[in-house]
Amino acid sequence: MPIRRDNDAASVFRNLDWPTVLIYLIMVVAGMVSIYAASYDFDNASMFAADEFSGKQLRWIGLSLVLGMVILLIDARMYETYAYPVYILVVILLAITPVIAPNIKGSHSWIEVGSMRLQPAEFAKFATALALAKLFAGYHFQLNAKVSNYVKALAIIFVPILLILLQNETGSALTFLALFFVLYREGMSGLVLFGALFAVVIFVVGLKFTEGTVIGMPSGQFAVMVMIMIVMVGMSAAYARRLEIARNILVGMFGLGAVVAVLSACGVTLPGLYVTVGAVAVACIYVVIEAIKLHRPRLYAPVAAAVCAVVFLFSIGAAFDYLQPHQQMRIKVALGTVEDLRDAGYNVNQSKIAIGSGGFLGKGFLNGTQTKLKYVPEQHTDFIFCTIGEEEGFVGAMIVTLLFLGLILRILSIGERQPTTFGRVYAYCVASYFIFHFCINIGMVIGLCPVIGIPLPFFSYGGSSLWGFTILLFILLKIDASRKSVMVY
């Protein structure tokens, strides 16, 4: 099966996905303007001044465009051929970063190169995406074929996470968890994503609702135990395809509840922890017996899920205590269990005030009072969206949202039309990164997520972030442009 590739520059630019390029250019220019507005004061010089954040960002943009051009001129086959070597080099760089990087606000994640500071974690994104795509493009590789395939994929994802955690950069490390969406796209069971979502629910409910008790245990823990039983009932019914199992568990739950209620009315208080854990244990034993009787090994899944959920619930406290004090406070502020408007919750509170004060049309360019009076720290980096919301209002915020939505949809469209597994998987990696950054950054700014230091791509100030996302996007554009020049006979 001969394959002919035409990689000349004219062919690349002819086949380039120009709508994506246009969205990219609009976003980087809008980002520079937003950075100027966020850092503006009444004595500021021109937007293009070399000592202004916007002027510095303009230089990063210029270098990014050159970098993008170089990427487009490289043979697309090189990205697949050298995916693993690039990944290994970046992993080595991540490993030595904590040793050679200076301490900047408690983090050892920035390498000083002359007058510049570069963050290797940003470049690990495209390296990890290339390595994951290379793995899936292997001969006859199927994620569900062998357990070892899962081990390989998870190793590629978690090695950068662990190394970045050593740099004390939790936010950057969490970004790589977005790649689980790629695993789902390539065959991973949806139960894994459901389990991850349920773990988040357990974490939030277990931490948030600590006041008040039900049968002697915290209300949050009791609510989670009830949810675990409900999920177990649903999974058991689905896997056994027999409603009798679900019915029997529910009857047992209601019967136990009635006994507890009667005893409580009589003044006898049972230890809630033992009651709820015992109920789950009995339900698990019953399901295991039914699995053996019906010869349905899949029925072990709800039992395993219930056991893992209970263990996770009662390990939340230890895991939470492992976090640093400022991280604990940020989570408490995000959950609403602590109101700390002068310290950990200050940034978010001021950000919400700024966005809310913008109204529908905003206060106008350079007219944001919250922005100009510097009420929001780091407003030109992680909190750049509050400047957009204040000065451009709901309309400006929606335009930015639509730009990201358009970019993500274009990337997904590009991924679906790739003739190779390598191109498709890489495209979904890129889309996953953008979705994660956009959702977490906006959620962080409006108080829906804890503050974890996630930049808004192409808008937040920073050369490493801009370069990292530019490399991510332009490698995809090159792979996509080359697909039309592949002819199979």
Foldseek 3Di string as FASTA:
>chain_A
DDKFFDQDPVLLVVLFPVVLVVLLVVLLVVLLLLLCLLQDAPPDDDSCDCPGLSVVSVVLVVVLVVVLVVLLNDALVVLLVCLVVVLVVLLVVLQCQQVQADQDVNFSQWHDDPPDTAGSLLQNLLSLLSVLLSLCQDDPDACPPDVVSVVVNVCSLCSSLVSRVVRVQNPSSVLSVLLVVLVVVRPDDPVVVVLVVLLVVLLLLLPLQQPDDDLAHGPSVVVNLVVLLVVLLVQLCVQVVDNVLSVVLVVVVVVLVVVQVVCVVVVHRDHPVCSSVVSLVVSLVVLVVVCVVVVRPSSVVSSVSSVVSNVSNVCSVVVLVPDDPLQNVLQCVLSVVDDDCPPSCVQLVLLQVLLVQLAAQAPARSRRPSSNVVSHPLCQWLVSVSSQSHHGNPVSSVVVVVSLVVSLVVLQVLLVPAPGSSLNSLSSSLSSSLVVLVVQSVCCNNSNHGDSRRTNQSNHRDSNSPSSNSSSVSSSSSSSSRRVSIDDD
